[in-house]
Amino acid sequence: MEALLKRELGYRSVKAAGHSGGGCISQGQSYDTDRGRVFVKVNTKAEARRMFEGELASLTAILKTGTVRVPKPIKVLDAPGGGSLLVMEHLDMRSLGSHAATLGVQLADLHLDNKRLGETLQKEAGTVGKGGGQVERPFVDQFGFDVVTCCGYLPQVSKPARTRWEAQPRSLSLC
């Protein structure tokens, strides 16, 4: 793993940091590098690349809002022997404890972020040097997400659409 991370990400030094873990879907390991500590999620299944690419896109989108702290995703790589890896910034995880209320506020802000962005752009539309052409991330006036995400290995397709109804995939139950 160390050689792969050096080769693919240009690190000069990589050493397992002892922080490891996993669940029923993926395993993970932290590594100390010359550019800081990273966390590598590993999954040996063929479906892992799609799952990790969706997670990378999701983390990137959340990170751009600046509302809640998430690890900065770095790259999805092919795993030696099959499957894929998701390399991301390592975050020290601690008990939520006294921070639960703060997290709740941050999650509410995350869900309101795009609405607030749209309101700001609308107010600034008539101001020279401001408005839609001056922002890093555009206002999204549709429901859905442009990348397939997954719940475990199951793809969650939610293509952008004008209404929430159109964005959600529907299945017809035949009895």
Protein backbone atom coordinates (compact mmCIF):
# COMPACT_ATOMS: atom_id res chain seq x y z
CA MET A 1 0.00 0.00 0.00
CA GLU A 2 2.80 2.40 0.90
CA ALA A 3 4.41 2.01 -2.55
CA LEU A 4 1.06 2.54 -4.30
CA LEU A 5 0.36 5.76 -2.38
CA LYS A 6 3.86 7.05 -3.12
CA ARG A 7 3.56 6.26 -6.83
CA GLU A 8 -0.02 7.44 -7.40
CA LEU A 9 -0.07 10.52 -5.16
CA GLY A 10 3.57 11.60 -5.27
CA TYR A 11 4.26 11.19 -1.57
CA ARG A 12 7.93 10.87 -0.62
CA SER A 13 7.23 9.00 2.62
CA VAL A 14 4.29 6.84 3.69
CA LYS A 15 4.01 4.83 6.90
CA ALA A 16 1.00 3.08 8.45
CA ALA A 17 -0.12 5.14 11.45
CA GLY A 18 -1.87 2.48 13.47
CA HIS A 19 -5.33 4.03 13.15
CA SER A 20 -7.40 1.38 11.43
CA GLY A 21 -10.99 0.30 11.41
CA GLY A 22 -13.80 -0.89 9.29
CA GLY A 23 -17.34 -1.95 9.06
CA CYS A 24 -19.38 -4.43 7.09
CA ILE A 25 -18.59 -2.73 3.75
CA SER A 26 -15.03 -1.33 3.77
CA GLN A 27 -11.85 -1.36 5.83
CA GLY A 28 -9.65 1.62 6.56
CA GLN A 29 -6.13 2.53 7.59
CA SER A 30 -4.42 5.81 8.41
CA TYR A 31 -0.99 6.65 7.01
CA ASP A 32 1.50 9.34 7.92
CA THR A 33 2.90 10.99 4.79
CA ASP A 34 5.27 13.86 4.12
CA ARG A 35 2.14 15.96 3.42
CA GLY A 36 0.20 14.99 6.53
CA ARG A 37 -1.92 12.09 7.69
CA VAL A 38 -4.36 10.46 5.27
CA PHE A 39 -7.05 7.83 5.71
CA VAL A 40 -7.45 5.12 3.08
CA LYS A 41 -10.73 3.22 2.72
CA VAL A 42 -10.27 -0.14 1.02
CA ASN A 43 -12.87 -2.34 -0.61
CA THR A 44 -12.04 -5.40 -2.72
CA LYS A 45 -15.39 -5.70 -4.53
CA ALA A 46 -15.82 -4.73 -8.18
CA GLU A 47 -18.55 -2.23 -7.18
CA ALA A 48 -16.14 -0.29 -4.97
CA ARG A 49 -15.02 2.23 -7.61
CA ARG A 50 -18.55 3.50 -8.27
CA MET A 51 -19.22 3.59 -4.52
CA PHE A 52 -16.02 5.54 -3.77
CA GLU A 53 -16.41 7.92 -6.74
CA GLY A 54 -19.86 8.83 -5.42
CA GLU A 55 -18.43 9.34 -1.93
CA LEU A 56 -15.61 11.52 -3.31
CA ALA A 57 -18.11 13.70 -5.22
CA SER A 58 -20.40 13.93 -2.19
CA LEU A 59 -17.60 14.91 0.20
CA THR A 60 -16.35 17.49 -2.32
CA ALA A 61 -19.83 19.02 -2.62
CA ILE A 62 -20.26 19.17 1.16
CA LEU A 63 -16.77 20.61 1.63
CA LYS A 64 -17.53 23.44 -0.81
CA THR A 65 -20.45 24.60 1.35
CA GLY A 66 -18.19 25.25 4.33
CA THR A 67 -21.05 24.28 6.65
CA VAL A 68 -19.87 21.07 8.32
CA ARG A 69 -16.41 19.52 8.75
CA VAL A 70 -15.82 16.53 6.49
CA PRO A 71 -12.57 14.92 5.37
CA LYS A 72 -11.12 16.42 2.21
CA PRO A 73 -11.24 13.67 -0.43
CA ILE A 74 -8.02 13.18 -2.38
CA LYS A 75 -8.42 10.44 -4.98
CA VAL A 76 -10.00 7.10 -5.88
CA LEU A 77 -7.40 4.49 -6.87
CA ASP A 78 -7.49 0.91 -8.11
CA ALA A 79 -6.56 -1.49 -5.31
CA PRO A 80 -3.85 -4.06 -5.91
CA GLY A 81 -5.60 -7.38 -6.43
CA GLY A 82 -8.98 -5.83 -7.26
CA GLY A 83 -11.42 -3.33 -5.88
CA SER A 84 -10.67 0.30 -5.11
CA LEU A 85 -9.34 2.73 -2.53
CA LEU A 86 -10.59 6.13 -1.44
CA VAL A 87 -7.80 8.34 -0.10
CA MET A 88 -8.91 11.27 2.04
CA GLU A 89 -7.71 13.57 4.74
CA HIS A 90 -7.46 11.87 8.13
CA LEU A 91 -9.75 13.33 10.79
CA ASP A 92 -9.38 12.45 14.46
CA MET A 93 -12.76 11.08 15.42
CA ARG A 94 -13.94 11.68 18.96
CA SER A 95 -17.11 11.19 20.91
CA LEU A 96 -19.85 13.51 19.72
CA GLY A 97 -20.83 14.26 23.31
CA SER A 98 -21.12 17.99 23.88
CA HIS A 99 -20.83 18.74 20.14
CA ALA A 100 -24.13 17.11 19.13
CA ALA A 101 -26.08 20.39 19.13
CA THR A 102 -23.40 22.08 17.02
CA LEU A 103 -23.49 19.22 14.52
CA GLY A 104 -27.27 19.54 14.34
CA VAL A 105 -27.00 23.24 13.51
CA GLN A 106 -24.29 22.52 10.92
CA LEU A 107 -26.43 19.85 9.23
CA ALA A 108 -29.36 22.26 9.12
CA ASP A 109 -27.05 24.88 7.56
CA LEU A 110 -25.88 22.29 5.02
CA HIS A 111 -29.47 21.64 3.96
CA LEU A 112 -30.20 25.38 3.71
CA ASP A 113 -26.92 26.30 1.99
CA ASN A 114 -28.08 26.19 -1.63
CA LYS A 115 -31.28 28.11 -0.83
CA ARG A 116 -29.24 30.82 0.90
CA LEU A 117 -26.80 30.93 -2.02
CA GLY A 118 -29.71 31.49 -4.42
CA GLU A 119 -31.12 34.29 -2.27
CA THR A 120 -27.71 36.00 -2.09
CA LEU A 121 -27.21 35.74 -5.85
CA GLN A 122 -30.67 37.17 -6.47
CA LYS A 123 -29.95 40.15 -4.18
CA GLU A 124 -26.55 40.77 -5.80
CA ALA A 125 -27.70 40.27 -9.41
CA GLY A 126 -27.85 44.00 -10.10
CA THR A 127 -24.51 44.80 -8.43
CA VAL A 128 -21.45 45.24 -10.65
CA GLY A 129 -18.77 42.69 -9.78
CA LYS A 130 -21.17 40.40 -7.95
CA GLY A 131 -23.80 37.84 -8.83
CA GLY A 132 -23.80 34.42 -10.47
CA GLY A 133 -20.66 34.86 -12.54
CA GLN A 134 -18.56 35.67 -9.48
CA VAL A 135 -19.11 32.59 -7.32
CA GLU A 136 -17.04 29.42 -7.05
CA ARG A 137 -20.05 27.13 -6.94
CA PRO A 138 -23.23 27.77 -8.83
CA PHE A 139 -26.73 27.89 -7.43
CA VAL A 140 -28.50 24.61 -8.21
CA ASP A 141 -32.14 25.07 -9.16
CA GLN A 142 -32.88 21.36 -9.50
CA PHE A 143 -33.29 18.34 -7.25
CA GLY A 144 -30.92 15.39 -7.44
CA PHE A 145 -27.17 14.91 -7.77
CA ASP A 146 -25.15 14.55 -10.97
CA VAL A 147 -23.10 11.57 -9.70
CA VAL A 148 -24.40 8.13 -8.75
CA THR A 149 -23.94 7.61 -5.01
CA CYS A 150 -24.38 4.37 -3.12
CA CYS A 151 -25.93 3.00 0.02
CA GLY A 152 -23.47 0.21 0.62
CA TYR A 153 -23.08 -1.33 -2.82
CA LEU A 154 -26.55 -0.31 -3.98
CA PRO A 155 -26.48 2.57 -6.47
CA GLN A 156 -28.71 5.54 -5.58
CA VAL A 157 -29.41 7.24 -8.90
CA SER A 158 -30.91 10.69 -8.42
CA LYS A 159 -30.41 12.51 -11.71
CA PRO A 160 -31.00 16.27 -11.63
CA ALA A 161 -34.62 17.16 -12.35
CA ARG A 162 -36.93 20.17 -11.95
CA THR A 163 -39.08 18.53 -9.27
CA ARG A 164 -38.32 16.22 -6.39
CA TRP A 165 -40.75 13.68 -7.85
CA GLU A 166 -38.84 13.53 -11.15
CA ALA A 167 -35.47 13.26 -9.37
CA GLN A 168 -36.38 10.12 -7.45
CA PRO A 169 -36.22 6.82 -9.33
CA ARG A 170 -39.50 4.97 -9.31
CA SER A 171 -40.12 1.26 -9.52
CA LEU A 172 -43.38 -0.35 -10.51
CA SER A 173 -44.38 -3.25 -8.33
CA LEU A 174 -45.97 -6.02 -10.35
CA CYS A 175 -47.95 -8.53 -8.28
